[in-house]
């Protein structure tokens, strides 16, 4: 309710459980939020949150609208991570800072749900998103994998030998849509975090996130990509 504290102006964030997936919908640029709403309050389908508007930065008088997002959350230690990496910056949003919420395409989700009807599965929709880049991370306990077990793919070898790290299949926006446990033998002796492959076709289709870049014949994580992986594994 403090429009000056966010590019989104007045906004509301709602937590859902959809097919055993923790999902957050966001409604931004509202002219007002209902006074009765409070953090932790349960919401019913169709219940009113507020009124559309144009609060926030650079929203003209003729552009009143509701900015709508469907997000996954990256790390419940975000506030701690932010203080470490941005010690001089304010964080008015706690763990629900925009850097910690990565969006999926709402249009694609709604079209898939309409097409598949009762067979639609949100977790399956996320898990079948195209992978833009694959990254190996040496971390036996990954909080994102614990939060989103539906995205974890079985690996009998890691289950037998023990999990030493994970292979993360990132979509173009950086969401780990595929999570594969890896044993120490599979991880090898390389760096604790390393880019192992890039789908150039997918990268060219969605260049806006700028998570990877090709230098000569080799691909590497950009600063933004490395920061994202650091947040996921923090």
C-alpha atoms as a PDB file:
ATOM      1  CA  UNK A   1       0.000   0.000   0.000  1.00  0.00           C
ATOM      2  CA  UNK A   2       3.023   2.302  -0.402  1.00  0.00           C
ATOM      3  CA  UNK A   3       3.093   2.954  -4.159  1.00  0.00           C
ATOM      4  CA  UNK A   4       6.331   4.901  -3.977  1.00  0.00           C
ATOM      5  CA  UNK A   5       8.212   1.894  -2.588  1.00  0.00           C
ATOM      6  CA  UNK A   6       7.856  -0.187  -5.755  1.00  0.00           C
ATOM      7  CA  UNK A   7       7.873   0.110  -9.543  1.00  0.00           C
ATOM      8  CA  UNK A   8       4.605  -1.826  -9.290  1.00  0.00           C
ATOM      9  CA  UNK A   9       2.904   0.848  -7.188  1.00  0.00           C
ATOM     10  CA  UNK A  10       0.149  -0.664  -5.038  1.00  0.00           C
ATOM     11  CA  UNK A  11       0.224  -4.417  -5.537  1.00  0.00           C
ATOM     12  CA  UNK A  12      -0.993  -7.628  -3.972  1.00  0.00           C
ATOM     13  CA  UNK A  13       0.641 -11.039  -3.962  1.00  0.00           C
ATOM     14  CA  UNK A  14      -1.417 -14.207  -3.435  1.00  0.00           C
ATOM     15  CA  UNK A  15       0.040 -17.622  -2.568  1.00  0.00           C
ATOM     16  CA  UNK A  16      -1.593 -20.715  -4.101  1.00  0.00           C
ATOM     17  CA  UNK A  17      -1.146 -24.462  -3.909  1.00  0.00           C
ATOM     18  CA  UNK A  18      -1.743 -25.766  -7.432  1.00  0.00           C
ATOM     19  CA  UNK A  19      -1.114 -29.451  -8.028  1.00  0.00           C
ATOM     20  CA  UNK A  20       1.286 -29.604  -5.042  1.00  0.00           C
ATOM     21  CA  UNK A  21       3.162 -26.600  -6.425  1.00  0.00           C
ATOM     22  CA  UNK A  22       3.695 -23.366  -4.495  1.00  0.00           C
ATOM     23  CA  UNK A  23       2.641 -20.589  -6.893  1.00  0.00           C
ATOM     24  CA  UNK A  24       2.335 -16.816  -6.462  1.00  0.00           C
ATOM     25  CA  UNK A  25       0.063 -14.543  -8.490  1.00  0.00           C
ATOM     26  CA  UNK A  26       0.786 -10.827  -8.502  1.00  0.00           C
ATOM     27  CA  UNK A  27      -1.620  -7.947  -9.245  1.00  0.00           C
ATOM     28  CA  UNK A  28       0.122  -4.602  -9.726  1.00  0.00           C
ATOM     29  CA  UNK A  29      -0.462  -0.867 -10.456  1.00  0.00           C
ATOM     30  CA  UNK A  30      -3.684  -0.960  -8.427  1.00  0.00           C
ATOM     31  CA  UNK A  31      -5.300   2.372  -7.592  1.00  0.00           C
ATOM     32  CA  UNK A  32      -6.253   0.868  -4.243  1.00  0.00           C
ATOM     33  CA  UNK A  33      -6.207  -2.363  -2.259  1.00  0.00           C
ATOM     34  CA  UNK A  34      -9.227  -3.249  -0.147  1.00  0.00           C
ATOM     35  CA  UNK A  35      -8.619  -1.993   3.419  1.00  0.00           C
ATOM     36  CA  UNK A  36      -9.820  -5.288   4.919  1.00  0.00           C
ATOM     37  CA  UNK A  37      -7.039  -7.323   3.282  1.00  0.00           C
ATOM     38  CA  UNK A  38      -4.197  -8.386   5.564  1.00  0.00           C
ATOM     39  CA  UNK A  39      -1.078 -10.534   5.179  1.00  0.00           C
ATOM     40  CA  UNK A  40      -1.902 -14.178   5.847  1.00  0.00           C
ATOM     41  CA  UNK A  41      -5.596 -13.795   5.080  1.00  0.00           C
ATOM     42  CA  UNK A  42      -7.195 -16.667   3.172  1.00  0.00           C
ATOM     43  CA  UNK A  43      -8.763 -15.689  -0.142  1.00  0.00           C
ATOM     44  CA  UNK A  44     -11.730 -17.247  -1.931  1.00  0.00           C
ATOM     45  CA  UNK A  45     -11.930 -17.629  -5.698  1.00  0.00           C
ATOM     46  CA  UNK A  46     -13.517 -14.506  -7.157  1.00  0.00           C
ATOM     47  CA  UNK A  47     -12.914 -12.425  -4.041  1.00  0.00           C
ATOM     48  CA  UNK A  48     -12.018  -8.820  -4.783  1.00  0.00           C
ATOM     49  CA  UNK A  49      -8.471  -7.596  -4.055  1.00  0.00           C
ATOM     50  CA  UNK A  50      -8.713  -3.991  -5.144  1.00  0.00           C
ATOM     51  CA  UNK A  51      -9.207  -1.694  -8.111  1.00  0.00           C
ATOM     52  CA  UNK A  52      -7.065  -1.421 -11.222  1.00  0.00           C
ATOM     53  CA  UNK A  53      -5.109   1.780 -11.674  1.00  0.00           C
ATOM     54  CA  UNK A  54      -1.825   3.286 -12.760  1.00  0.00           C
ATOM     55  CA  UNK A  55       0.271   3.574  -9.588  1.00  0.00           C
ATOM     56  CA  UNK A  56       3.993   3.004  -9.951  1.00  0.00           C
ATOM     57  CA  UNK A  57       6.617   4.507 -12.190  1.00  0.00           C
ATOM     58  CA  UNK A  58       5.996   5.719 -15.759  1.00  0.00           C
ATOM     59  CA  UNK A  59       2.327   4.736 -15.965  1.00  0.00           C
ATOM     60  CA  UNK A  60       0.464   7.360 -18.027  1.00  0.00           C
ATOM     61  CA  UNK A  61      -3.121   8.468 -17.437  1.00  0.00           C
ATOM     62  CA  UNK A  62      -4.302   6.450 -20.442  1.00  0.00           C
ATOM     63  CA  UNK A  63      -2.606   3.241 -19.311  1.00  0.00           C
ATOM     64  CA  UNK A  64      -4.576   2.175 -16.244  1.00  0.00           C
ATOM     65  CA  UNK A  65      -4.455  -1.629 -16.122  1.00  0.00           C
ATOM     66  CA  UNK A  66      -3.765  -4.662 -13.960  1.00  0.00           C
ATOM     67  CA  UNK A  67      -0.266  -6.053 -14.364  1.00  0.00           C
ATOM     68  CA  UNK A  68      -0.667  -9.804 -13.748  1.00  0.00           C
ATOM     69  CA  UNK A  69       2.056 -12.370 -13.089  1.00  0.00           C
ATOM     70  CA  UNK A  70       2.263 -16.095 -12.257  1.00  0.00           C
ATOM     71  CA  UNK A  71       5.485 -16.699 -10.332  1.00  0.00           C
ATOM     72  CA  UNK A  72       7.624 -19.308  -8.631  1.00  0.00           C
ATOM     73  CA  UNK A  73       9.751 -18.240  -5.663  1.00  0.00           C
ATOM     74  CA  UNK A  74      13.487 -18.958  -5.723  1.00  0.00           C
ATOM     75  CA  UNK A  75      14.777 -18.936  -2.150  1.00  0.00           C
ATOM     76  CA  UNK A  76      13.248 -18.370   1.280  1.00  0.00           C
ATOM     77  CA  UNK A  77      16.634 -16.950   2.396  1.00  0.00           C
ATOM     78  CA  UNK A  78      16.412 -14.109  -0.134  1.00  0.00           C
ATOM     79  CA  UNK A  79      16.505 -11.334   2.494  1.00  0.00           C
ATOM     80  CA  UNK A  80      19.788 -12.713   3.838  1.00  0.00           C
ATOM     81  CA  UNK A  81      21.180 -13.092   0.312  1.00  0.00           C
ATOM     82  CA  UNK A  82      20.191  -9.506  -0.559  1.00  0.00           C
ATOM     83  CA  UNK A  83      21.877  -8.056   2.546  1.00  0.00           C
ATOM     84  CA  UNK A  84      25.082  -9.905   1.632  1.00  0.00           C
ATOM     85  CA  UNK A  85      25.172  -8.808  -2.025  1.00  0.00           C
ATOM     86  CA  UNK A  86      23.547  -5.353  -1.745  1.00  0.00           C
ATOM     87  CA  UNK A  87      24.508  -4.133   1.746  1.00  0.00           C
ATOM     88  CA  UNK A  88      23.733  -0.486   0.969  1.00  0.00           C
ATOM     89  CA  UNK A  89      20.339  -1.026  -0.656  1.00  0.00           C
ATOM     90  CA  UNK A  90      16.877  -1.087   0.909  1.00  0.00           C
ATOM     91  CA  UNK A  91      14.622  -4.095   0.667  1.00  0.00           C
ATOM     92  CA  UNK A  92      11.056  -3.119   1.482  1.00  0.00           C
ATOM     93  CA  UNK A  93       9.668  -6.432   0.262  1.00  0.00           C
ATOM     94  CA  UNK A  94      11.479  -9.116   2.245  1.00  0.00           C
ATOM     95  CA  UNK A  95      11.509 -12.499   0.536  1.00  0.00           C
ATOM     96  CA  UNK A  96       8.863 -11.261  -1.909  1.00  0.00           C
ATOM     97  CA  UNK A  97      11.261  -8.946  -3.717  1.00  0.00           C
ATOM     98  CA  UNK A  98      10.957  -9.042  -7.517  1.00  0.00           C
ATOM     99  CA  UNK A  99      14.390 -10.658  -7.872  1.00  0.00           C
ATOM    100  CA  UNK A 100      13.096 -13.638  -5.898  1.00  0.00           C
ATOM    101  CA  UNK A 101       9.947 -14.127  -7.995  1.00  0.00           C
ATOM    102  CA  UNK A 102      10.388 -15.525 -11.510  1.00  0.00           C
ATOM    103  CA  UNK A 103       7.448 -15.409 -13.867  1.00  0.00           C
ATOM    104  CA  UNK A 104       5.890 -17.897 -16.256  1.00  0.00           C
ATOM    105  CA  UNK A 105       3.880 -16.807 -19.308  1.00  0.00           C
ATOM    106  CA  UNK A 106       0.261 -16.517 -18.056  1.00  0.00           C
ATOM    107  CA  UNK A 107      -1.116 -16.601 -21.597  1.00  0.00           C
ATOM    108  CA  UNK A 108       0.604 -19.925 -22.337  1.00  0.00           C
ATOM    109  CA  UNK A 109      -0.673 -21.386 -19.054  1.00  0.00           C
ATOM    110  CA  UNK A 110      -4.274 -20.316 -19.647  1.00  0.00           C
ATOM    111  CA  UNK A 111      -4.257 -21.553 -23.247  1.00  0.00           C
ATOM    112  CA  UNK A 112      -2.827 -24.913 -22.170  1.00  0.00           C
ATOM    113  CA  UNK A 113      -5.447 -25.235 -19.443  1.00  0.00           C
ATOM    114  CA  UNK A 114      -8.234 -24.435 -21.905  1.00  0.00           C
ATOM    115  CA  UNK A 115      -6.860 -26.933 -24.429  1.00  0.00           C
ATOM    116  CA  UNK A 116      -6.231 -29.794 -21.970  1.00  0.00           C
ATOM    117  CA  UNK A 117      -9.256 -29.275 -19.743  1.00  0.00           C
ATOM    118  CA  UNK A 118      -9.364 -31.635 -16.779  1.00  0.00           C
ATOM    119  CA  UNK A 119      -6.107 -33.250 -17.941  1.00  0.00           C
ATOM    120  CA  UNK A 120      -4.181 -30.022 -17.358  1.00  0.00           C
ATOM    121  CA  UNK A 121      -1.416 -30.271 -14.745  1.00  0.00           C
ATOM    122  CA  UNK A 122       0.403 -27.120 -13.661  1.00  0.00           C
ATOM    123  CA  UNK A 123       3.494 -29.041 -12.529  1.00  0.00           C
ATOM    124  CA  UNK A 124       3.660 -30.887 -15.849  1.00  0.00           C
ATOM    125  CA  UNK A 125       3.308 -27.590 -17.694  1.00  0.00           C
ATOM    126  CA  UNK A 126       6.311 -26.163 -15.845  1.00  0.00           C
ATOM    127  CA  UNK A 127       8.393 -29.338 -16.181  1.00  0.00           C
ATOM    128  CA  UNK A 128       7.958 -29.457 -19.956  1.00  0.00           C
ATOM    129  CA  UNK A 129       9.088 -25.885 -20.556  1.00  0.00           C
ATOM    130  CA  UNK A 130      11.997 -25.724 -23.038  1.00  0.00           C
ATOM    131  CA  UNK A 131      15.409 -25.687 -21.374  1.00  0.00           C
ATOM    132  CA  UNK A 132      17.591 -22.805 -22.514  1.00  0.00           C
ATOM    133  CA  UNK A 133      20.705 -23.611 -20.443  1.00  0.00           C
ATOM    134  CA  UNK A 134      21.973 -26.390 -18.199  1.00  0.00           C
ATOM    135  CA  UNK A 135      24.072 -25.654 -15.120  1.00  0.00           C
ATOM    136  CA  UNK A 136      25.807 -28.002 -12.684  1.00  0.00           C
ATOM    137  CA  UNK A 137      25.849 -26.898  -9.035  1.00  0.00           C
ATOM    138  CA  UNK A 138      27.762 -28.704  -6.306  1.00  0.00           C
ATOM    139  CA  UNK A 139      25.284 -28.539  -3.427  1.00  0.00           C
ATOM    140  CA  UNK A 140      23.850 -31.601  -1.724  1.00  0.00           C
ATOM    141  CA  UNK A 141      20.886 -29.754  -0.180  1.00  0.00           C
ATOM    142  CA  UNK A 142      19.101 -27.492  -2.645  1.00  0.00           C
ATOM    143  CA  UNK A 143      16.238 -25.506  -1.167  1.00  0.00           C
ATOM    144  CA  UNK A 144      14.539 -24.987  -4.529  1.00  0.00           C
ATOM    145  CA  UNK A 145      14.449 -28.760  -5.088  1.00  0.00           C
ATOM    146  CA  UNK A 146      12.909 -29.244  -1.653  1.00  0.00           C
ATOM    147  CA  UNK A 147      10.301 -26.562  -2.365  1.00  0.00           C
ATOM    148  CA  UNK A 148       9.434 -27.912  -5.820  1.00  0.00           C
ATOM    149  CA  UNK A 149       9.873 -31.708  -5.712  1.00  0.00           C
ATOM    150  CA  UNK A 150       7.534 -32.060  -8.712  1.00  0.00           C
ATOM    151  CA  UNK A 151      10.333 -30.633 -10.869  1.00  0.00           C
ATOM    152  CA  UNK A 152      12.939 -33.143  -9.640  1.00  0.00           C
ATOM    153  CA  UNK A 153      13.673 -35.945 -12.093  1.00  0.00           C
ATOM    154  CA  UNK A 154      14.779 -39.368 -10.789  1.00  0.00           C
ATOM    155  CA  UNK A 155      18.412 -40.417 -11.112  1.00  0.00           C
ATOM    156  CA  UNK A 156      19.007 -43.955  -9.769  1.00  0.00           C
ATOM    157  CA  UNK A 157      22.776 -43.472  -9.699  1.00  0.00           C
ATOM    158  CA  UNK A 158      22.615 -40.417  -7.449  1.00  0.00           C
ATOM    159  CA  UNK A 159      20.025 -42.158  -5.301  1.00  0.00           C
ATOM    160  CA  UNK A 160      22.385 -45.107  -4.876  1.00  0.00           C
ATOM    161  CA  UNK A 161      25.704 -43.252  -4.495  1.00  0.00           C
ATOM    162  CA  UNK A 162      24.412 -40.142  -2.731  1.00  0.00           C
ATOM    163  CA  UNK A 163      23.510 -36.684  -4.016  1.00  0.00           C
ATOM    164  CA  UNK A 164      26.524 -34.359  -4.350  1.00  0.00           C
ATOM    165  CA  UNK A 165      24.892 -31.726  -6.534  1.00  0.00           C
ATOM    166  CA  UNK A 166      22.268 -30.986  -9.157  1.00  0.00           C
ATOM    167  CA  UNK A 167      21.948 -30.362 -12.835  1.00  0.00           C
ATOM    168  CA  UNK A 168      19.564 -27.446 -13.315  1.00  0.00           C
ATOM    169  CA  UNK A 169      17.715 -27.039 -16.606  1.00  0.00           C
ATOM    170  CA  UNK A 170      16.874 -23.337 -16.762  1.00  0.00           C
ATOM    171  CA  UNK A 171      14.187 -21.948 -19.011  1.00  0.00           C
ATOM    172  CA  UNK A 172      14.831 -18.637 -20.780  1.00  0.00           C
ATOM    173  CA  UNK A 173      13.690 -16.692 -17.704  1.00  0.00           C
ATOM    174  CA  UNK A 174      15.985 -18.626 -15.365  1.00  0.00           C
ATOM    175  CA  UNK A 175      13.445 -20.914 -13.681  1.00  0.00           C
ATOM    176  CA  UNK A 176      14.901 -24.384 -12.935  1.00  0.00           C
ATOM    177  CA  UNK A 177      12.191 -26.314 -14.784  1.00  0.00           C
ATOM    178  CA  UNK A 178      14.230 -29.539 -14.633  1.00  0.00           C
ATOM    179  CA  UNK A 179      16.191 -30.572 -11.542  1.00  0.00           C
ATOM    180  CA  UNK A 180      18.359 -33.705 -11.797  1.00  0.00           C
ATOM    181  CA  UNK A 181      20.282 -34.988  -8.744  1.00  0.00           C
ATOM    182  CA  UNK A 182      23.899 -35.891  -9.545  1.00  0.00           C
ATOM    183  CA  UNK A 183      26.388 -38.099  -7.688  1.00  0.00           C
ATOM    184  CA  UNK A 184      29.947 -36.970  -6.918  1.00  0.00           C
ATOM    185  CA  UNK A 185      31.224 -39.099  -9.819  1.00  0.00           C
ATOM    186  CA  UNK A 186      28.780 -37.417 -12.186  1.00  0.00           C
ATOM    187  CA  UNK A 187      29.684 -33.952 -10.905  1.00  0.00           C
ATOM    188  CA  UNK A 188      33.357 -34.461 -11.703  1.00  0.00           C
ATOM    189  CA  UNK A 189      36.178 -32.241 -10.517  1.00  0.00           C
ATOM    190  CA  UNK A 190      35.194 -28.946 -12.140  1.00  0.00           C
ATOM    191  CA  UNK A 191      34.019 -25.701 -10.543  1.00  0.00           C
ATOM    192  CA  UNK A 192      31.182 -25.818  -8.028  1.00  0.00           C
ATOM    193  CA  UNK A 193      28.924 -23.949 -10.458  1.00  0.00           C
ATOM    194  CA  UNK A 194      29.394 -24.339 -14.168  1.00  0.00           C
ATOM    195  CA  UNK A 195      27.457 -23.936 -17.373  1.00  0.00           C
ATOM    196  CA  UNK A 196      27.433 -27.205 -19.321  1.00  0.00           C
ATOM    197  CA  UNK A 197      25.188 -26.521 -22.331  1.00  0.00           C
ATOM    198  CA  UNK A 198      23.062 -23.905 -24.104  1.00  0.00           C
ATOM    199  CA  UNK A 199      20.240 -24.405 -26.587  1.00  0.00           C
ATOM    200  CA  UNK A 200      21.122 -21.637 -29.037  1.00  0.00           C
ATOM    201  CA  UNK A 201      17.751 -21.794 -30.791  1.00  0.00           C
ATOM    202  CA  UNK A 202      15.932 -21.200 -27.506  1.00  0.00           C
ATOM    203  CA  UNK A 203      18.427 -18.470 -26.572  1.00  0.00           C
ATOM    204  CA  UNK A 204      17.814 -16.632 -29.862  1.00  0.00           C
ATOM    205  CA  UNK A 205      14.037 -16.869 -29.407  1.00  0.00           C
ATOM    206  CA  UNK A 206      14.206 -15.310 -25.921  1.00  0.00           C
ATOM    207  CA  UNK A 207      17.301 -13.096 -25.575  1.00  0.00           C
ATOM    208  CA  UNK A 208      15.790 -10.605 -23.121  1.00  0.00           C
ATOM    209  CA  UNK A 209      16.833 -12.293 -19.863  1.00  0.00           C
ATOM    210  CA  UNK A 210      20.538 -12.162 -20.847  1.00  0.00           C
ATOM    211  CA  UNK A 211      21.557 -15.083 -18.643  1.00  0.00           C
ATOM    212  CA  UNK A 212      24.226 -16.489 -20.979  1.00  0.00           C
ATOM    213  CA  UNK A 213      26.498 -15.146 -23.703  1.00  0.00           C
ATOM    214  CA  UNK A 214      28.728 -16.705 -26.311  1.00  0.00           C
ATOM    215  CA  UNK A 215      32.329 -15.554 -26.453  1.00  0.00           C
ATOM    216  CA  UNK A 216      33.939 -17.021 -29.554  1.00  0.00           C
ATOM    217  CA  UNK A 217      32.969 -20.681 -29.581  1.00  0.00           C
ATOM    218  CA  UNK A 218      32.354 -20.918 -25.820  1.00  0.00           C
ATOM    219  CA  UNK A 219      29.225 -20.105 -23.826  1.00  0.00           C
ATOM    220  CA  UNK A 220      29.414 -18.526 -20.391  1.00  0.00           C
ATOM    221  CA  UNK A 221      27.040 -17.204 -17.758  1.00  0.00           C
ATOM    222  CA  UNK A 222      26.640 -13.437 -17.744  1.00  0.00           C
ATOM    223  CA  UNK A 223      26.895 -11.538 -14.474  1.00  0.00           C
ATOM    224  CA  UNK A 224      23.104 -11.669 -14.260  1.00  0.00           C
ATOM    225  CA  UNK A 225      23.104 -15.434 -14.915  1.00  0.00           C
ATOM    226  CA  UNK A 226      25.806 -16.070 -12.310  1.00  0.00           C
ATOM    227  CA  UNK A 227      23.890 -13.981  -9.771  1.00  0.00           C
ATOM    228  CA  UNK A 228      20.718 -15.966 -10.460  1.00  0.00           C
ATOM    229  CA  UNK A 229      22.497 -19.290  -9.908  1.00  0.00           C
ATOM    230  CA  UNK A 230      24.054 -17.901  -6.732  1.00  0.00           C
ATOM    231  CA  UNK A 231      20.589 -16.963  -5.423  1.00  0.00           C
ATOM    232  CA  UNK A 232      19.122 -20.370  -6.283  1.00  0.00           C
ATOM    233  CA  UNK A 233      21.949 -22.163  -4.462  1.00  0.00           C
ATOM    234  CA  UNK A 234      22.337 -19.744  -1.505  1.00  0.00           C
END
